[in-house]
């Protein structure tokens, strides 16, 4: 496991666990290669170390999808990354 960081939304409820998804870092988010209309296709970078937050890096990752409160709107689904690998 890499040097995973803490998230500012660690205290939120985990609503789903995802494993071994493929995504590309772009615009401060992870864009997954699955259905682009899926709410999980744009994920936050919380807990991903800064040196891996460069546009174009492809990763395989696992993590916890965190809850979004009813009064919130997010540009990306909150994700706490629990493990990742860089795809060469």
N, C-alpha and C. Protein backbone atom coordinates (compact mmCIF):
# COMPACT_ATOMS: atom_id res chain seq x y z
N UNK A 1 0.84 -1.18 0.00
CA UNK A 1 0.00 0.00 0.00
C UNK A 1 0.89 1.24 0.00
N UNK A 2 0.44 2.25 -0.70
CA UNK A 2 1.17 3.51 -0.77
C UNK A 2 0.92 4.32 0.49
N UNK A 3 1.54 5.47 0.55
CA UNK A 3 1.39 6.37 1.70
C UNK A 3 0.04 7.11 1.60
N UNK A 4 -1.02 6.44 2.00
CA UNK A 4 -2.38 6.99 1.91
C UNK A 4 -2.56 8.08 2.97
N UNK A 5 -3.17 9.18 2.57
CA UNK A 5 -3.39 10.31 3.47
C UNK A 5 -4.78 10.26 4.10
N UNK A 6 -4.99 11.06 5.12
CA UNK A 6 -6.32 11.19 5.71
C UNK A 6 -7.17 12.09 4.83
N UNK A 7 -8.49 11.92 4.92
CA UNK A 7 -9.44 12.76 4.19
C UNK A 7 -10.17 13.67 5.14
N UNK A 8 -10.60 14.81 4.66
CA UNK A 8 -11.38 15.69 5.51
C UNK A 8 -12.80 15.18 5.68
N UNK A 9 -13.20 14.17 4.91
CA UNK A 9 -14.54 13.59 5.11
C UNK A 9 -14.47 12.17 5.64
N UNK A 10 -13.42 11.83 6.38
CA UNK A 10 -13.30 10.52 7.02
C UNK A 10 -14.48 10.22 7.95
N UNK A 11 -15.09 11.26 8.50
CA UNK A 11 -16.18 11.05 9.46
C UNK A 11 -17.52 10.74 8.79
N UNK A 12 -17.59 10.82 7.46
CA UNK A 12 -18.84 10.52 6.76
C UNK A 12 -19.03 9.01 6.63
N UNK A 13 -20.28 8.62 6.53
CA UNK A 13 -20.63 7.21 6.39
C UNK A 13 -20.14 6.68 5.03
N UNK A 14 -19.61 5.47 5.03
CA UNK A 14 -19.25 4.79 3.79
C UNK A 14 -20.51 4.18 3.21
N UNK A 15 -20.82 4.53 1.94
CA UNK A 15 -22.03 4.01 1.32
C UNK A 15 -21.75 2.87 0.34
N UNK A 16 -20.48 2.73 -0.06
CA UNK A 16 -20.12 1.67 -1.00
C UNK A 16 -18.61 1.47 -0.97
N UNK A 17 -18.19 0.24 -1.14
CA UNK A 17 -16.76 -0.09 -1.28
C UNK A 17 -16.53 -0.44 -2.74
N UNK A 18 -15.48 0.14 -3.33
CA UNK A 18 -15.12 -0.23 -4.70
C UNK A 18 -13.72 -0.81 -4.69
N UNK A 19 -13.48 -1.76 -5.59
CA UNK A 19 -12.19 -2.44 -5.65
C UNK A 19 -11.68 -2.51 -7.09
N UNK A 20 -10.40 -2.24 -7.23
CA UNK A 20 -9.69 -2.43 -8.50
C UNK A 20 -10.35 -1.75 -9.69
N UNK A 21 -10.73 -0.48 -9.50
CA UNK A 21 -11.27 0.32 -10.60
C UNK A 21 -10.11 0.99 -11.32
N UNK A 22 -10.29 1.27 -12.59
CA UNK A 22 -9.28 1.95 -13.39
C UNK A 22 -9.74 3.37 -13.64
N UNK A 23 -8.84 4.34 -13.48
CA UNK A 23 -9.18 5.72 -13.73
C UNK A 23 -7.97 6.54 -14.13
N UNK A 24 -8.24 7.73 -14.63
CA UNK A 24 -7.20 8.67 -15.05
C UNK A 24 -7.38 9.96 -14.25
N UNK A 25 -6.27 10.50 -13.76
CA UNK A 25 -6.31 11.77 -13.03
C UNK A 25 -6.49 12.90 -14.04
N UNK A 26 -7.49 13.73 -13.80
CA UNK A 26 -7.72 14.87 -14.68
C UNK A 26 -8.51 15.93 -13.94
N UNK A 27 -8.00 17.15 -13.94
CA UNK A 27 -8.71 18.27 -13.36
C UNK A 27 -9.00 18.13 -11.88
N UNK A 28 -8.09 17.51 -11.15
CA UNK A 28 -8.28 17.35 -9.72
C UNK A 28 -9.25 16.26 -9.32
N UNK A 29 -9.54 15.36 -10.26
CA UNK A 29 -10.46 14.25 -10.01
C UNK A 29 -9.91 12.97 -10.63
N UNK A 30 -10.54 11.85 -10.27
CA UNK A 30 -10.30 10.60 -10.97
C UNK A 30 -11.49 10.40 -11.90
N UNK A 31 -11.21 10.23 -13.18
CA UNK A 31 -12.26 9.92 -14.15
C UNK A 31 -12.14 8.44 -14.46
N UNK A 32 -13.21 7.70 -14.19
CA UNK A 32 -13.15 6.26 -14.42
C UNK A 32 -13.47 5.94 -15.87
N UNK A 33 -13.10 4.73 -16.27
CA UNK A 33 -13.28 4.33 -17.66
C UNK A 33 -14.63 3.66 -17.90
N UNK A 34 -15.49 3.65 -16.90
CA UNK A 34 -16.81 3.04 -17.09
C UNK A 34 -17.80 4.08 -17.60
N UNK A 35 -19.05 3.81 -17.50
CA UNK A 35 -20.13 4.64 -17.99
C UNK A 35 -20.00 6.09 -17.48
N UNK A 36 -19.81 7.07 -18.38
CA UNK A 36 -19.61 8.46 -17.95
C UNK A 36 -20.84 9.10 -17.30
N UNK A 37 -22.00 8.49 -17.40
CA UNK A 37 -23.18 9.05 -16.73
C UNK A 37 -23.34 8.48 -15.33
N UNK A 38 -22.56 7.50 -14.97
CA UNK A 38 -22.59 6.89 -13.64
C UNK A 38 -22.09 7.92 -12.63
N UNK A 39 -22.77 8.05 -11.48
CA UNK A 39 -22.35 9.05 -10.50
C UNK A 39 -20.96 8.76 -9.95
N UNK A 40 -20.46 7.54 -10.13
CA UNK A 40 -19.12 7.20 -9.67
C UNK A 40 -18.06 7.38 -10.75
N UNK A 41 -18.39 8.03 -11.85
CA UNK A 41 -17.40 8.19 -12.92
C UNK A 41 -16.46 9.37 -12.68
N UNK A 42 -16.82 10.29 -11.75
CA UNK A 42 -15.96 11.40 -11.36
C UNK A 42 -15.80 11.32 -9.85
N UNK A 43 -14.59 11.04 -9.42
CA UNK A 43 -14.33 10.80 -7.99
C UNK A 43 -13.30 11.78 -7.47
N UNK A 44 -13.43 12.14 -6.20
CA UNK A 44 -12.47 13.06 -5.58
C UNK A 44 -11.12 12.37 -5.37
N UNK A 45 -10.11 13.18 -5.14
CA UNK A 45 -8.75 12.67 -4.94
C UNK A 45 -8.34 12.61 -3.47
N UNK A 46 -9.30 12.70 -2.57
CA UNK A 46 -8.97 12.69 -1.15
C UNK A 46 -8.17 11.45 -0.81
N UNK A 47 -7.13 11.62 -0.06
CA UNK A 47 -6.21 10.58 0.43
C UNK A 47 -5.17 10.15 -0.61
N UNK A 48 -5.22 10.66 -1.83
CA UNK A 48 -4.18 10.36 -2.81
C UNK A 48 -3.02 11.34 -2.60
N UNK A 49 -1.81 10.83 -2.38
CA UNK A 49 -0.67 11.72 -2.17
C UNK A 49 -0.48 12.71 -3.32
N UNK A 50 -0.06 13.90 -2.98
CA UNK A 50 0.08 15.02 -3.93
C UNK A 50 0.92 14.65 -5.16
N UNK A 51 1.99 13.90 -4.99
CA UNK A 51 2.87 13.59 -6.13
C UNK A 51 2.20 12.73 -7.20
N UNK A 52 1.04 12.14 -6.89
CA UNK A 52 0.31 11.33 -7.86
C UNK A 52 -0.89 12.06 -8.44
N UNK A 53 -1.07 13.33 -8.12
CA UNK A 53 -2.24 14.10 -8.56
C UNK A 53 -1.97 14.87 -9.85
N UNK A 54 -1.27 14.28 -10.78
CA UNK A 54 -0.92 14.94 -12.04
C UNK A 54 -1.83 14.45 -13.15
N UNK A 55 -2.36 15.38 -13.94
CA UNK A 55 -3.22 15.02 -15.06
C UNK A 55 -2.54 13.98 -15.96
N UNK A 56 -3.33 12.98 -16.33
CA UNK A 56 -2.85 11.96 -17.26
C UNK A 56 -2.34 10.69 -16.60
N UNK A 57 -2.12 10.71 -15.29
CA UNK A 57 -1.66 9.50 -14.61
C UNK A 57 -2.83 8.52 -14.55
N UNK A 58 -2.57 7.28 -14.96
CA UNK A 58 -3.59 6.24 -14.93
C UNK A 58 -3.35 5.37 -13.70
N UNK A 59 -4.41 5.11 -12.93
CA UNK A 59 -4.28 4.32 -11.71
C UNK A 59 -5.34 3.23 -11.63
N UNK A 60 -5.00 2.19 -10.90
CA UNK A 60 -5.97 1.18 -10.47
C UNK A 60 -6.13 1.45 -8.98
N UNK A 61 -7.37 1.58 -8.51
CA UNK A 61 -7.57 2.00 -7.13
C UNK A 61 -8.74 1.27 -6.48
N UNK A 62 -8.72 1.28 -5.17
CA UNK A 62 -9.82 0.78 -4.35
C UNK A 62 -10.14 1.87 -3.33
N UNK A 63 -11.36 1.87 -2.83
CA UNK A 63 -11.69 2.89 -1.85
C UNK A 63 -13.11 2.80 -1.34
N UNK A 64 -13.45 3.80 -0.55
CA UNK A 64 -14.76 3.90 0.09
C UNK A 64 -15.48 5.12 -0.45
N UNK A 65 -16.63 4.89 -1.08
CA UNK A 65 -17.49 6.00 -1.51
C UNK A 65 -18.17 6.53 -0.25
N UNK A 66 -18.05 7.83 -0.02
CA UNK A 66 -18.62 8.44 1.18
C UNK A 66 -19.95 9.12 0.86
N UNK A 67 -20.77 9.28 1.89
CA UNK A 67 -22.09 9.86 1.70
C UNK A 67 -22.01 11.33 1.31
N UNK A 68 -23.02 11.75 0.56
CA UNK A 68 -23.23 13.17 0.23
C UNK A 68 -24.51 13.56 0.94
N UNK A 69 -24.44 14.60 1.74
CA UNK A 69 -25.62 15.04 2.49
C UNK A 69 -26.66 15.63 1.53
N UNK A 70 -27.94 15.54 1.88
CA UNK A 70 -29.02 16.01 0.99
C UNK A 70 -28.90 17.47 0.56
N UNK A 71 -28.30 18.31 1.37
CA UNK A 71 -28.20 19.74 1.05
C UNK A 71 -26.92 20.10 0.31
N UNK A 72 -26.18 19.11 -0.19
CA UNK A 72 -24.90 19.36 -0.87
C UNK A 72 -24.97 19.01 -2.34
N UNK A 73 -24.10 19.68 -3.09
CA UNK A 73 -23.85 19.34 -4.50
C UNK A 73 -22.34 19.24 -4.65
N UNK A 74 -21.88 18.17 -5.24
CA UNK A 74 -20.45 17.93 -5.41
C UNK A 74 -20.10 17.85 -6.89
N UNK A 75 -18.92 18.32 -7.26
CA UNK A 75 -18.43 18.18 -8.63
C UNK A 75 -17.89 16.77 -8.86
N UNK A 76 -17.56 16.08 -7.78
CA UNK A 76 -17.07 14.71 -7.85
C UNK A 76 -17.56 13.95 -6.62
N UNK A 77 -17.81 12.67 -6.79
CA UNK A 77 -18.26 11.84 -5.68
C UNK A 77 -17.14 11.71 -4.66
N UNK A 78 -17.40 11.91 -3.38
CA UNK A 78 -16.35 11.79 -2.37
C UNK A 78 -15.87 10.35 -2.23
N UNK A 79 -14.58 10.18 -2.39
CA UNK A 79 -13.95 8.86 -2.33
C UNK A 79 -12.74 8.92 -1.41
N UNK A 80 -12.67 8.00 -0.49
CA UNK A 80 -11.46 7.83 0.31
C UNK A 80 -10.71 6.65 -0.30
N UNK A 81 -9.58 6.94 -0.92
CA UNK A 81 -8.77 5.89 -1.54
C UNK A 81 -8.11 5.07 -0.44
N UNK A 82 -8.23 3.75 -0.55
CA UNK A 82 -7.62 2.87 0.44
C UNK A 82 -6.40 2.15 -0.12
N UNK A 83 -6.30 2.06 -1.44
CA UNK A 83 -5.15 1.44 -2.09
C UNK A 83 -5.13 1.87 -3.55
N UNK A 84 -3.93 1.96 -4.12
CA UNK A 84 -3.83 2.29 -5.54
C UNK A 84 -2.48 1.85 -6.09
N UNK A 85 -2.44 1.68 -7.39
CA UNK A 85 -1.20 1.40 -8.12
C UNK A 85 -1.22 2.24 -9.39
N UNK A 86 -0.06 2.69 -9.80
CA UNK A 86 0.09 3.43 -11.04
C UNK A 86 0.16 2.43 -12.20
N UNK A 87 -0.58 2.69 -13.27
CA UNK A 87 -0.53 1.85 -14.47
C UNK A 87 0.53 2.44 -15.38
N UNK A 88 1.48 1.64 -15.71
CA UNK A 88 2.58 2.12 -16.60
C UNK A 88 2.18 2.03 -18.06
